[in-house]
Structures are given as structure tokens and as C-alpha cells.
Amino acid sequence: MIIKEQKPNFAFLLVVFVGCVIFLFLVDKIFEIIHMLEKLAVNAKVNMVYVETILKIIGIAYIAEFATQITKDAGQGAIASKIELAGKIIILAMAIPILTVLIETIIKLIPS
């Protein structure tokens, strides 16, 4: 708070730097989680294309959230809202193939 009052530009850079450092410390844990999910998918005989797509969607959600928070910290709420919207639209676009397969599966289960 003291740095933010005296040097707001430096405080913003410090927040971004600390956020990136925290993320870098978590990369190993994230890799372990992704590896575990891939093993579960292989054991369950799930098509890896769907698992990769879901992991990409999760990654986009986290990146969009991180960018949104940084933008809000910079005092740019309007841009933060646009980043959230863009992230949601990208997620929806990437989820269409999975939703299509899910709907087709449900239709096949319904007796004619």
C-alpha cells in the first residue's frame, strides 16, 4: 500500500512480477495435475482430443482471469470486462466439438 501511494507505476509492476513468480512456483504442480488427468483419461479410454481441449479451455480460463485481475489492478475496469468476455467466447468456441459429441451421445441413448 505504501508503494502504491508513492509510486503507482512501480507498484503495478511489482504486482505483475509477484503474480508471475507465484505462477512459476506452481508450474510443477500444474504439470503433475495435467499428467494425472491424462493418465486417468487413458485408463478410461477417453479420446485424448477431448481431454486436450478441456485442458486448453481450463488454461484459457486461468489466463483470462489473470489478465482480468492485472487489468483491474491497473484501474482499467472496462478493459477487464472485455478480456472476460473474450475469454468466455473463446471457451465457448473451443467447447463446441465437445458439446456436439455430448448431444449426439444423448440422442443415441434416447429410444426412438
PDB file of N, CA and C in Angstrom:
ATOM      1  N   MET A   1       0.818  -1.198   0.000  1.00  0.00           N
ATOM      2  CA  MET A   1       0.000   0.000   0.000  1.00  0.00           C
ATOM      3  C   MET A   1       0.863   1.263   0.000  1.00  0.00           C
ATOM      4  N   ILE A   2       1.970   1.223   0.731  1.00  0.00           N
ATOM      5  CA  ILE A   2       2.848   2.397   0.785  1.00  0.00           C
ATOM      6  C   ILE A   2       3.452   2.661  -0.590  1.00  0.00           C
ATOM      7  N   ILE A   3       3.894   1.583  -1.245  1.00  0.00           N
ATOM      8  CA  ILE A   3       4.486   1.728  -2.580  1.00  0.00           C
ATOM      9  C   ILE A   3       3.435   2.230  -3.557  1.00  0.00           C
ATOM     10  N   LYS A   4       2.208   1.721  -3.414  1.00  0.00           N
ATOM     11  CA  LYS A   4       1.141   2.122  -4.341  1.00  0.00           C
ATOM     12  C   LYS A   4       0.836   3.611  -4.230  1.00  0.00           C
ATOM     13  N   GLU A   5       0.910   4.143  -3.017  1.00  0.00           N
ATOM     14  CA  GLU A   5       0.639   5.571  -2.825  1.00  0.00           C
ATOM     15  C   GLU A   5       1.760   6.449  -3.387  1.00  0.00           C
ATOM     16  N   GLN A   6       3.009   5.995  -3.207  1.00  0.00           N
ATOM     17  CA  GLN A   6       4.132   6.835  -3.614  1.00  0.00           C
ATOM     18  C   GLN A   6       4.517   6.632  -5.072  1.00  0.00           C
ATOM     19  N   LYS A   7       4.531   5.373  -5.531  1.00  0.00           N
ATOM     20  CA  LYS A   7       4.925   5.088  -6.917  1.00  0.00           C
ATOM     21  C   LYS A   7       3.961   4.058  -7.505  1.00  0.00           C
ATOM     22  N   PRO A   8       2.819   4.503  -8.008  1.00  0.00           N
ATOM     23  CA  PRO A   8       1.808   3.560  -8.512  1.00  0.00           C
ATOM     24  C   PRO A   8       2.294   2.715  -9.688  1.00  0.00           C
ATOM     25  N   ASN A   9       3.136   3.285 -10.554  1.00  0.00           N
ATOM     26  CA  ASN A   9       3.646   2.500 -11.687  1.00  0.00           C
ATOM     27  C   ASN A   9       4.511   1.345 -11.214  1.00  0.00           C
ATOM     28  N   PHE A  10       5.371   1.616 -10.249  1.00  0.00           N
ATOM     29  CA  PHE A  10       6.231   0.578  -9.699  1.00  0.00           C
ATOM     30  C   PHE A  10       5.406  -0.480  -8.967  1.00  0.00           C
ATOM     31  N   ALA A  11       4.377  -0.040  -8.256  1.00  0.00           N
ATOM     32  CA  ALA A  11       3.513  -0.978  -7.530  1.00  0.00           C
ATOM     33  C   ALA A  11       2.814  -1.925  -8.500  1.00  0.00           C
ATOM     34  N   PHE A  12       2.379  -1.396  -9.628  1.00  0.00           N
ATOM     35  CA  PHE A  12       1.726  -2.235 -10.630  1.00  0.00           C
ATOM     36  C   PHE A  12       2.689  -3.279 -11.176  1.00  0.00           C
ATOM     37  N   LEU A  13       3.900  -2.856 -11.503  1.00  0.00           N
ATOM     38  CA  LEU A  13       4.904  -3.796 -12.000  1.00  0.00           C
ATOM     39  C   LEU A  13       5.253  -4.844 -10.950  1.00  0.00           C
ATOM     40  N   LEU A  14       5.274  -4.439  -9.703  1.00  0.00           N
ATOM     41  CA  LEU A  14       5.550  -5.375  -8.609  1.00  0.00           C
ATOM     42  C   LEU A  14       4.444  -6.424  -8.501  1.00  0.00           C
ATOM     43  N   VAL A  15       3.204  -6.004  -8.651  1.00  0.00           N
ATOM     44  CA  VAL A  15       2.078  -6.943  -8.605  1.00  0.00           C
ATOM     45  C   VAL A  15       2.171  -7.945  -9.746  1.00  0.00           C
ATOM     46  N   VAL A  16       2.473  -7.470 -10.936  1.00  0.00           N
ATOM     47  CA  VAL A  16       2.612  -8.358 -12.096  1.00  0.00           C
ATOM     48  C   VAL A  16       3.762  -9.330 -11.876  1.00  0.00           C
ATOM     49  N   PHE A  17       4.891  -8.821 -11.399  1.00  0.00           N
ATOM     50  CA  PHE A  17       6.062  -9.670 -11.165  1.00  0.00           C
ATOM     51  C   PHE A  17       5.768 -10.740 -10.120  1.00  0.00           C
ATOM     52  N   VAL A  18       5.160 -10.362  -9.017  1.00  0.00           N
ATOM     53  CA  VAL A  18       4.844 -11.327  -7.955  1.00  0.00           C
ATOM     54  C   VAL A  18       3.845 -12.369  -8.468  1.00  0.00           C
ATOM     55  N   GLY A  19       2.869 -11.936  -9.246  1.00  0.00           N
ATOM     56  CA  GLY A  19       1.916 -12.877  -9.825  1.00  0.00           C
ATOM     57  C   GLY A  19       2.599 -13.890 -10.726  1.00  0.00           C
ATOM     58  N   CYS A  20       3.524 -13.438 -11.538  1.00  0.00           N
ATOM     59  CA  CYS A  20       4.260 -14.345 -12.431  1.00  0.00           C
ATOM     60  C   CYS A  20       5.157 -15.292 -11.643  1.00  0.00           C
ATOM     61  N   VAL A  21       5.802 -14.796 -10.592  1.00  0.00           N
ATOM     62  CA  VAL A  21       6.657 -15.650  -9.763  1.00  0.00           C
ATOM     63  C   VAL A  21       5.825 -16.740  -9.084  1.00  0.00           C
ATOM     64  N   ILE A  22       4.675 -16.365  -8.557  1.00  0.00           N
ATOM     65  CA  ILE A  22       3.794 -17.357  -7.930  1.00  0.00           C
ATOM     66  C   ILE A  22       3.380 -18.404  -8.954  1.00  0.00           C
ATOM     67  N   PHE A  23       3.038 -17.961 -10.152  1.00  0.00           N
ATOM     68  CA  PHE A  23       2.663 -18.908 -11.207  1.00  0.00           C
ATOM     69  C   PHE A  23       3.822 -19.852 -11.528  1.00  0.00           C
ATOM     70  N   LEU A  24       5.035 -19.329 -11.607  1.00  0.00           N
ATOM     71  CA  LEU A  24       6.187 -20.168 -11.921  1.00  0.00           C
ATOM     72  C   LEU A  24       6.444 -21.204 -10.824  1.00  0.00           C
ATOM     73  N   PHE A  25       6.184 -20.844  -9.571  1.00  0.00           N
ATOM     74  CA  PHE A  25       6.319 -21.818  -8.490  1.00  0.00           C
ATOM     75  C   PHE A  25       5.274 -22.925  -8.600  1.00  0.00           C
ATOM     76  N   LEU A  26       4.141 -22.626  -9.207  1.00  0.00           N
ATOM     77  CA  LEU A  26       3.055 -23.600  -9.315  1.00  0.00           C
ATOM     78  C   LEU A  26       3.118 -24.448 -10.572  1.00  0.00           C
ATOM     79  N   VAL A  27       4.025 -24.144 -11.485  1.00  0.00           N
ATOM     80  CA  VAL A  27       4.097 -24.867 -12.752  1.00  0.00           C
ATOM     81  C   VAL A  27       4.290 -26.368 -12.537  1.00  0.00           C
ATOM     82  N   ASP A  28       5.149 -26.751 -11.590  1.00  0.00           N
ATOM     83  CA  ASP A  28       5.367 -28.179 -11.327  1.00  0.00           C
ATOM     84  C   ASP A  28       4.083 -28.868 -10.875  1.00  0.00           C
ATOM     85  N   LYS A  29       3.340 -28.235 -10.002  1.00  0.00           N
ATOM     86  CA  LYS A  29       2.077 -28.817  -9.525  1.00  0.00           C
ATOM     87  C   LYS A  29       1.064 -28.909 -10.661  1.00  0.00           C
ATOM     88  N   ILE A  30       1.022 -27.884 -11.490  1.00  0.00           N
ATOM     89  CA  ILE A  30       0.108 -27.893 -12.633  1.00  0.00           C
ATOM     90  C   ILE A  30       0.464 -29.033 -13.575  1.00  0.00           C
ATOM     91  N   PHE A  31       1.757 -29.229 -13.812  1.00  0.00           N
ATOM     92  CA  PHE A  31       2.198 -30.327 -14.678  1.00  0.00           C
ATOM     93  C   PHE A  31       1.784 -31.675 -14.098  1.00  0.00           C
ATOM     94  N   GLU A  32       1.932 -31.843 -12.778  1.00  0.00           N
ATOM     95  CA  GLU A  32       1.522 -33.092 -12.133  1.00  0.00           C
ATOM     96  C   GLU A  32       0.027 -33.336 -12.306  1.00  0.00           C
ATOM     97  N   ILE A  33      -0.770 -32.301 -12.143  1.00  0.00           N
ATOM     98  CA  ILE A  33      -2.221 -32.437 -12.282  1.00  0.00           C
ATOM     99  C   ILE A  33      -2.579 -32.813 -13.715  1.00  0.00           C
ATOM    100  N   ILE A  34      -1.966 -32.153 -14.686  1.00  0.00           N
ATOM    101  CA  ILE A  34      -2.240 -32.463 -16.090  1.00  0.00           C
ATOM    102  C   ILE A  34      -1.836 -33.894 -16.414  1.00  0.00           C
ATOM    103  N   HIS A  35      -0.680 -34.313 -15.913  1.00  0.00           N
ATOM    104  CA  HIS A  35      -0.214 -35.680 -16.158  1.00  0.00           C
ATOM    105  C   HIS A  35      -1.177 -36.699 -15.542  1.00  0.00           C
ATOM    106  N   MET A  36      -1.662 -36.423 -14.336  1.00  0.00           N
ATOM    107  CA  MET A  36      -2.616 -37.315 -13.679  1.00  0.00           C
ATOM    108  C   MET A  36      -3.916 -37.402 -14.482  1.00  0.00           C
ATOM    109  N   LEU A  37      -4.411 -36.274 -14.959  1.00  0.00           N
ATOM    110  CA  LEU A  37      -5.641 -36.275 -15.744  1.00  0.00           C
ATOM    111  C   LEU A  37      -5.470 -37.053 -17.051  1.00  0.00           C
ATOM    112  N   GLU A  38      -4.303 -36.910 -17.677  1.00  0.00           N
ATOM    113  CA  GLU A  38      -4.043 -37.664 -18.907  1.00  0.00           C
ATOM    114  C   GLU A  38      -4.012 -39.165 -18.637  1.00  0.00           C
ATOM    115  N   LYS A  39      -3.401 -39.568 -17.516  1.00  0.00           N
ATOM    116  CA  LYS A  39      -3.373 -40.988 -17.156  1.00  0.00           C
ATOM    117  C   LYS A  39      -4.787 -41.513 -16.906  1.00  0.00           C
ATOM    118  N   LEU A  40      -5.604 -40.724 -16.214  1.00  0.00           N
ATOM    119  CA  LEU A  40      -6.985 -41.135 -15.967  1.00  0.00           C
ATOM    120  C   LEU A  40      -7.758 -41.280 -17.272  1.00  0.00           C
ATOM    121  N   ALA A  41      -7.525 -40.376 -18.194  1.00  0.00           N
ATOM    122  CA  ALA A  41      -8.219 -40.428 -19.485  1.00  0.00           C
ATOM    123  C   ALA A  41      -7.799 -41.659 -20.279  1.00  0.00           C
ATOM    124  N   VAL A  42      -6.507 -41.979 -20.242  1.00  0.00           N
ATOM    125  CA  VAL A  42      -6.031 -43.170 -20.954  1.00  0.00           C
ATOM    126  C   VAL A  42      -6.644 -44.418 -20.332  1.00  0.00           C
ATOM    127  N   ASN A  43      -6.678 -44.491 -19.006  1.00  0.00           N
ATOM    128  CA  ASN A  43      -7.261 -45.650 -18.324  1.00  0.00           C
ATOM    129  C   ASN A  43      -8.757 -45.780 -18.599  1.00  0.00           C
ATOM    130  N   ALA A  44      -9.436 -44.663 -18.739  1.00  0.00           N
ATOM    131  CA  ALA A  44     -10.873 -44.669 -19.014  1.00  0.00           C
ATOM    132  C   ALA A  44     -11.164 -44.778 -20.506  1.00  0.00           C
ATOM    133  N   LYS A  45     -10.119 -44.829 -21.318  1.00  0.00           N
ATOM    134  CA  LYS A  45     -10.239 -44.936 -22.774  1.00  0.00           C
ATOM    135  C   LYS A  45     -11.039 -43.770 -23.368  1.00  0.00           C
ATOM    136  N   VAL A  46     -10.744 -42.586 -22.863  1.00  0.00           N
ATOM    137  CA  VAL A  46     -11.358 -41.366 -23.379  1.00  0.00           C
ATOM    138  C   VAL A  46     -10.461 -40.834 -24.492  1.00  0.00           C
ATOM    139  N   ASN A  47     -11.073 -40.343 -25.537  1.00  0.00           N
ATOM    140  CA  ASN A  47     -10.317 -39.777 -26.651  1.00  0.00           C
ATOM    141  C   ASN A  47      -9.494 -38.591 -26.143  1.00  0.00           C
ATOM    142  N   MET A  48      -8.192 -38.629 -26.383  1.00  0.00           N
ATOM    143  CA  MET A  48      -7.290 -37.596 -25.876  1.00  0.00           C
ATOM    144  C   MET A  48      -7.566 -36.213 -26.471  1.00  0.00           C
ATOM    145  N   VAL A  49      -8.202 -36.173 -27.633  1.00  0.00           N
ATOM    146  CA  VAL A  49      -8.539 -34.879 -28.232  1.00  0.00           C
ATOM    147  C   VAL A  49      -9.458 -34.101 -27.304  1.00  0.00           C
ATOM    148  N   TYR A  50     -10.411 -34.796 -26.682  1.00  0.00           N
ATOM    149  CA  TYR A  50     -11.349 -34.129 -25.778  1.00  0.00           C
ATOM    150  C   TYR A  50     -10.650 -33.684 -24.498  1.00  0.00           C
ATOM    151  N   VAL A  51      -9.769 -34.504 -23.990  1.00  0.00           N
ATOM    152  CA  VAL A  51      -9.037 -34.149 -22.774  1.00  0.00           C
ATOM    153  C   VAL A  51      -8.146 -32.937 -23.041  1.00  0.00           C
ATOM    154  N   GLU A  52      -7.447 -32.946 -24.165  1.00  0.00           N
ATOM    155  CA  GLU A  52      -6.589 -31.806 -24.513  1.00  0.00           C
ATOM    156  C   GLU A  52      -7.408 -30.538 -24.676  1.00  0.00           C
ATOM    157  N   THR A  53      -8.575 -30.656 -25.284  1.00  0.00           N
ATOM    158  CA  THR A  53      -9.440 -29.487 -25.464  1.00  0.00           C
ATOM    159  C   THR A  53      -9.900 -28.938 -24.116  1.00  0.00           C
ATOM    160  N   ILE A  54     -10.281 -29.832 -23.215  1.00  0.00           N
ATOM    161  CA  ILE A  54     -10.722 -29.395 -21.889  1.00  0.00           C
ATOM    162  C   ILE A  54      -9.574 -28.723 -21.136  1.00  0.00           C
ATOM    163  N   LEU A  55      -8.376 -29.291 -21.243  1.00  0.00           N
ATOM    164  CA  LEU A  55      -7.225 -28.672 -20.581  1.00  0.00           C
ATOM    165  C   LEU A  55      -6.918 -27.298 -21.178  1.00  0.00           C
ATOM    166  N   LYS A  56      -7.065 -27.164 -22.491  1.00  0.00           N
ATOM    167  CA  LYS A  56      -6.861 -25.852 -23.121  1.00  0.00           C
ATOM    168  C   LYS A  56      -7.906 -24.853 -22.633  1.00  0.00           C
ATOM    169  N   ILE A  57      -9.142 -25.316 -22.502  1.00  0.00           N
ATOM    170  CA  ILE A  57     -10.211 -24.439 -22.015  1.00  0.00           C
ATOM    171  C   ILE A  57      -9.910 -23.968 -20.599  1.00  0.00           C
ATOM    172  N   ILE A  58      -9.457 -24.889 -19.748  1.00  0.00           N
ATOM    173  CA  ILE A  58      -9.102 -24.516 -18.374  1.00  0.00           C
ATOM    174  C   ILE A  58      -7.957 -23.511 -18.379  1.00  0.00           C
ATOM    175  N   GLY A  59      -6.961 -23.737 -19.236  1.00  0.00           N
ATOM    176  CA  GLY A  59      -5.842 -22.810 -19.336  1.00  0.00           C
ATOM    177  C   GLY A  59      -6.281 -21.426 -19.776  1.00  0.00           C
ATOM    178  N   ILE A  60      -7.169 -21.375 -20.752  1.00  0.00           N
ATOM    179  CA  ILE A  60      -7.687 -20.083 -21.219  1.00  0.00           C
ATOM    180  C   ILE A  60      -8.439 -19.374 -20.101  1.00  0.00           C
ATOM    181  N   ALA A  61      -9.212 -20.126 -19.335  1.00  0.00           N
ATOM    182  CA  ALA A  61      -9.953 -19.520 -18.230  1.00  0.00           C
ATOM    183  C   ALA A  61      -9.006 -18.901 -17.201  1.00  0.00           C
ATOM    184  N   TYR A  62      -7.944 -19.631 -16.857  1.00  0.00           N
ATOM    185  CA  TYR A  62      -6.979 -19.095 -15.884  1.00  0.00           C
ATOM    186  C   TYR A  62      -6.223 -17.892 -16.433  1.00  0.00           C
ATOM    187  N   ILE A  63      -5.822 -17.949 -17.676  1.00  0.00           N
ATOM    188  CA  ILE A  63      -5.094 -16.828 -18.278  1.00  0.00           C
ATOM    189  C   ILE A  63      -5.993 -15.597 -18.371  1.00  0.00           C
ATOM    190  N   ALA A  64      -7.239 -15.799 -18.776  1.00  0.00           N
ATOM    191  CA  ALA A  64      -8.173 -14.673 -18.864  1.00  0.00           C
ATOM    192  C   ALA A  64      -8.416 -14.074 -17.481  1.00  0.00           C
ATOM    193  N   GLU A  65      -8.552 -14.930 -16.465  1.00  0.00           N
ATOM    194  CA  GLU A  65      -8.756 -14.425 -15.101  1.00  0.00           C
ATOM    195  C   GLU A  65      -7.536 -13.633 -14.625  1.00  0.00           C
ATOM    196  N   PHE A  66      -6.344 -14.159 -14.891  1.00  0.00           N
ATOM    197  CA  PHE A  66      -5.109 -13.475 -14.502  1.00  0.00           C
ATOM    198  C   PHE A  66      -5.010 -12.121 -15.194  1.00  0.00           C
ATOM    199  N   ALA A  67      -5.270 -12.091 -16.492  1.00  0.00           N
ATOM    200  CA  ALA A  67      -5.212 -10.838 -17.240  1.00  0.00           C
ATOM    201  C   ALA A  67      -6.268  -9.853 -16.747  1.00  0.00           C
ATOM    202  N   THR A  68      -7.443 -10.366 -16.424  1.00  0.00           N
ATOM    203  CA  THR A  68      -8.513  -9.512 -15.910  1.00  0.00           C
ATOM    204  C   THR A  68      -8.115  -8.866 -14.587  1.00  0.00           C
ATOM    205  N   GLN A  69      -7.553  -9.670 -13.687  1.00  0.00           N
ATOM    206  CA  GLN A  69      -7.152  -9.134 -12.384  1.00  0.00           C
ATOM    207  C   GLN A  69      -6.035  -8.097 -12.517  1.00  0.00           C
ATOM    208  N   ILE A  70      -5.078  -8.355 -13.401  1.00  0.00           N
ATOM    209  CA  ILE A  70      -3.997  -7.382 -13.620  1.00  0.00           C
ATOM    210  C   ILE A  70      -4.564  -6.079 -14.184  1.00  0.00           C
ATOM    211  N   THR A  71      -5.493  -6.218 -15.123  1.00  0.00           N
ATOM    212  CA  THR A  71      -6.086  -5.031 -15.726  1.00  0.00           C
ATOM    213  C   THR A  71      -6.897  -4.243 -14.707  1.00  0.00           C
ATOM    214  N   LYS A  72      -7.613  -4.948 -13.830  1.00  0.00           N
ATOM    215  CA  LYS A  72      -8.352  -4.258 -12.764  1.00  0.00           C
ATOM    216  C   LYS A  72      -7.403  -3.561 -11.809  1.00  0.00           C
ATOM    217  N   ASP A  73      -6.276  -4.221 -11.493  1.00  0.00           N
ATOM    218  CA  ASP A  73      -5.284  -3.590 -10.619  1.00  0.00           C
ATOM    219  C   ASP A  73      -4.731  -2.312 -11.239  1.00  0.00           C
ATOM    220  N   ALA A  74      -4.675  -2.282 -12.566  1.00  0.00           N
ATOM    221  CA  ALA A  74      -4.186  -1.093 -13.262  1.00  0.00           C
ATOM    222  C   ALA A  74      -5.258  -0.008 -13.359  1.00  0.00           C
ATOM    223  N   GLY A  75      -6.458  -0.312 -12.851  1.00  0.00           N
ATOM    224  CA  GLY A  75      -7.536   0.669 -12.876  1.00  0.00           C
ATOM    225  C   GLY A  75      -8.296   0.724 -14.182  1.00  0.00           C
ATOM    226  N   GLN A  76      -8.204  -0.324 -14.964  1.00  0.00           N
ATOM    227  CA  GLN A  76      -8.867  -0.365 -16.272  1.00  0.00           C
ATOM    228  C   GLN A  76     -10.004  -1.395 -16.253  1.00  0.00           C
ATOM    229  N   GLY A  77     -11.059  -1.083 -15.518  1.00  0.00           N
ATOM    230  CA  GLY A  77     -12.188  -1.995 -15.369  1.00  0.00           C
ATOM    231  C   GLY A  77     -12.892  -2.313 -16.674  1.00  0.00           C
ATOM    232  N   ALA A  78     -12.986  -1.338 -17.562  1.00  0.00           N
ATOM    233  CA  ALA A  78     -13.668  -1.561 -18.842  1.00  0.00           C
ATOM    234  C   ALA A  78     -12.908  -2.570 -19.695  1.00  0.00           C
ATOM    235  N   ILE A  79     -11.589  -2.443 -19.723  1.00  0.00           N
ATOM    236  CA  ILE A  79     -10.785  -3.400 -20.488  1.00  0.00           C
ATOM    237  C   ILE A  79     -10.866  -4.779 -19.843  1.00  0.00           C
ATOM    238  N   ALA A  80     -10.896  -4.819 -18.507  1.00  0.00           N
ATOM    239  CA  ALA A  80     -11.011  -6.093 -17.799  1.00  0.00           C
ATOM    240  C   ALA A  80     -12.294  -6.814 -18.199  1.00  0.00           C
ATOM    241  N   SER A  81     -13.374  -6.077 -18.326  1.00  0.00           N
ATOM    242  CA  SER A  81     -14.646  -6.683 -18.749  1.00  0.00           C
ATOM    243  C   SER A  81     -14.547  -7.257 -20.156  1.00  0.00           C
ATOM    244  N   LYS A  82     -13.843  -6.552 -21.024  1.00  0.00           N
ATOM    245  CA  LYS A  82     -13.673  -7.042 -22.404  1.00  0.00           C
ATOM    246  C   LYS A  82     -12.817  -8.308 -22.435  1.00  0.00           C
ATOM    247  N   ILE A  83     -11.805  -8.374 -21.579  1.00  0.00           N
ATOM    248  CA  ILE A  83     -10.968  -9.575 -21.504  1.00  0.00           C
ATOM    249  C   ILE A  83     -11.803 -10.759 -21.025  1.00  0.00           C
ATOM    250  N   GLU A  84     -12.650 -10.534 -20.028  1.00  0.00           N
ATOM    251  CA  GLU A  84     -13.537 -11.604 -19.545  1.00  0.00           C
ATOM    252  C   GLU A  84     -14.451 -12.089 -20.664  1.00  0.00           C
ATOM    253  N   LEU A  85     -15.034 -11.168 -21.396  1.00  0.00           N
ATOM    254  CA  LEU A  85     -15.928 -11.533 -22.488  1.00  0.00           C
ATOM    255  C   LEU A  85     -15.186 -12.320 -23.558  1.00  0.00           C
ATOM    256  N   ALA A  86     -13.999 -11.860 -23.930  1.00  0.00           N
ATOM    257  CA  ALA A  86     -13.216 -12.556 -24.949  1.00  0.00           C
ATOM    258  C   ALA A  86     -12.865 -13.965 -24.481  1.00  0.00           C
ATOM    259  N   GLY A  87     -12.479 -14.114 -23.228  1.00  0.00           N
ATOM    260  CA  GLY A  87     -12.171 -15.438 -22.693  1.00  0.00           C
ATOM    261  C   GLY A  87     -13.371 -16.361 -22.755  1.00  0.00           C
ATOM    262  N   LYS A  88     -14.538 -15.852 -22.398  1.00  0.00           N
ATOM    263  CA  LYS A  88     -15.760 -16.672 -22.438  1.00  0.00           C
ATOM    264  C   LYS A  88     -16.114 -17.089 -23.861  1.00  0.00           C
ATOM    265  N   ILE A  89     -15.954 -16.184 -24.806  1.00  0.00           N
ATOM    266  CA  ILE A  89     -16.269 -16.514 -26.205  1.00  0.00           C
ATOM    267  C   ILE A  89     -15.294 -17.549 -26.751  1.00  0.00           C
ATOM    268  N   ILE A  90     -14.005 -17.402 -26.421  1.00  0.00           N
ATOM    269  CA  ILE A  90     -13.016 -18.394 -26.871  1.00  0.00           C
ATOM    270  C   ILE A  90     -13.319 -19.758 -26.263  1.00  0.00           C
ATOM    271  N   ILE A  91     -13.676 -19.784 -24.983  1.00  0.00           N
ATOM    272  CA  ILE A  91     -14.027 -21.048 -24.324  1.00  0.00           C
ATOM    273  C   ILE A  91     -15.236 -21.674 -24.990  1.00  0.00           C
ATOM    274  N   LEU A  92     -16.251 -20.883 -25.282  1.00  0.00           N
ATOM    275  CA  LEU A  92     -17.447 -21.413 -25.945  1.00  0.00           C
ATOM    276  C   LEU A  92     -17.107 -21.978 -27.314  1.00  0.00           C
ATOM    277  N   ALA A  93     -16.290 -21.279 -28.067  1.00  0.00           N
ATOM    278  CA  ALA A  93     -15.908 -21.753 -29.398  1.00  0.00           C
ATOM    279  C   ALA A  93     -15.132 -23.066 -29.316  1.00  0.00           C
ATOM    280  N   MET A  94     -14.253 -23.183 -28.323  1.00  0.00           N
ATOM    281  CA  MET A  94     -13.486 -24.418 -28.181  1.00  0.00           C
ATOM    282  C   MET A  94     -14.332 -25.579 -27.670  1.00  0.00           C
ATOM    283  N   ALA A  95     -15.404 -25.273 -26.950  1.00  0.00           N
ATOM    284  CA  ALA A  95     -16.244 -26.321 -26.369  1.00  0.00           C
ATOM    285  C   ALA A  95     -17.260 -26.890 -27.346  1.00  0.00           C
ATOM    286  N   ILE A  96     -17.458 -26.258 -28.489  1.00  0.00           N
ATOM    287  CA  ILE A  96     -18.477 -26.711 -29.438  1.00  0.00           C
ATOM    288  C   ILE A  96     -18.285 -28.168 -29.860  1.00  0.00           C
ATOM    289  N   PRO A  97     -17.080 -28.630 -30.209  1.00  0.00           N
ATOM    290  CA  PRO A  97     -16.941 -30.046 -30.578  1.00  0.00           C
ATOM    291  C   PRO A  97     -17.313 -31.002 -29.443  1.00  0.00           C
ATOM    292  N   ILE A  98     -16.960 -30.648 -28.227  1.00  0.00           N
ATOM    293  CA  ILE A  98     -17.303 -31.498 -27.083  1.00  0.00           C
ATOM    294  C   ILE A  98     -18.808 -31.497 -26.861  1.00  0.00           C
ATOM    295  N   LEU A  99     -19.429 -30.339 -26.950  1.00  0.00           N
ATOM    296  CA  LEU A  99     -20.885 -30.259 -26.795  1.00  0.00           C
ATOM    297  C   LEU A  99     -21.600 -31.039 -27.890  1.00  0.00           C
ATOM    298  N   THR A 100     -21.066 -30.997 -29.096  1.00  0.00           N
ATOM    299  CA  THR A 100     -21.663 -31.738 -30.216  1.00  0.00           C
ATOM    300  C   THR A 100     -21.635 -33.239 -29.950  1.00  0.00           C
ATOM    301  N   VAL A 101     -20.494 -33.745 -29.515  1.00  0.00           N
ATOM    302  CA  VAL A 101     -20.382 -35.177 -29.209  1.00  0.00           C
ATOM    303  C   VAL A 101     -21.294 -35.547 -28.053  1.00  0.00           C
ATOM    304  N   LEU A 102     -21.385 -34.697 -27.062  1.00  0.00           N
ATOM    305  CA  LEU A 102     -22.248 -34.963 -25.914  1.00  0.00           C
ATOM    306  C   LEU A 102     -23.710 -35.031 -26.331  1.00  0.00           C
ATOM    307  N   ILE A 103     -24.140 -34.097 -27.153  1.00  0.00           N
ATOM    308  CA  ILE A 103     -25.532 -34.098 -27.622  1.00  0.00           C
ATOM    309  C   ILE A 103     -25.808 -35.317 -28.493  1.00  0.00           C
ATOM    310  N   GLU A 104     -24.860 -35.670 -29.372  1.00  0.00           N
ATOM    311  CA  GLU A 104     -25.040 -36.859 -30.214  1.00  0.00           C
ATOM    312  C   GLU A 104     -25.138 -38.121 -29.367  1.00  0.00           C
ATOM    313  N   THR A 105     -24.344 -38.221 -28.330  1.00  0.00           N
ATOM    314  CA  THR A 105     -24.398 -39.370 -27.425  1.00  0.00           C
ATOM    315  C   THR A 105     -25.738 -39.450 -26.720  1.00  0.00           C
ATOM    316  N   ILE A 106     -26.227 -38.318 -26.265  1.00  0.00           N
ATOM    317  CA  ILE A 106     -27.527 -38.300 -25.561  1.00  0.00           C
ATOM    318  C   ILE A 106     -28.637 -38.702 -26.537  1.00  0.00           C
ATOM    319  N   ILE A 107     -28.574 -38.229 -27.761  1.00  0.00           N
ATOM    320  CA  ILE A 107     -29.603 -38.562 -28.763  1.00  0.00           C
ATOM    321  C   ILE A 107     -29.581 -40.058 -29.048  1.00  0.00           C
ATOM    322  N   LYS A 108     -28.398 -40.673 -29.103  1.00  0.00           N
ATOM    323  CA  LYS A 108     -28.292 -42.119 -29.337  1.00  0.00           C
ATOM    324  C   LYS A 108     -28.865 -42.926 -28.185  1.00  0.00           C
ATOM    325  N   LEU A 109     -28.810 -42.385 -26.973  1.00  0.00           N
ATOM    326  CA  LEU A 109     -29.335 -43.109 -25.807  1.00  0.00           C
ATOM    327  C   LEU A 109     -30.856 -43.037 -25.712  1.00  0.00           C
ATOM    328  N   ILE A 110     -31.454 -42.043 -26.325  1.00  0.00           N
ATOM    329  CA  ILE A 110     -32.904 -41.886 -26.271  1.00  0.00           C
ATOM    330  C   ILE A 110     -33.531 -42.909 -27.229  1.00  0.00           C
ATOM    331  N   PRO A 111     -34.475 -43.730 -26.699  1.00  0.00           N
ATOM    332  CA  PRO A 111     -35.124 -44.712 -27.598  1.00  0.00           C
ATOM    333  C   PRO A 111     -36.001 -44.017 -28.647  1.00  0.00           C
ATOM    334  N   SER A 112     -35.963 -44.571 -29.831  1.00  0.00           N
ATOM    335  CA  SER A 112     -36.740 -43.978 -30.940  1.00  0.00           C
ATOM    336  C   SER A 112     -38.188 -44.405 -30.915  1.00  0.00           C
TER     337      SER A 112
END
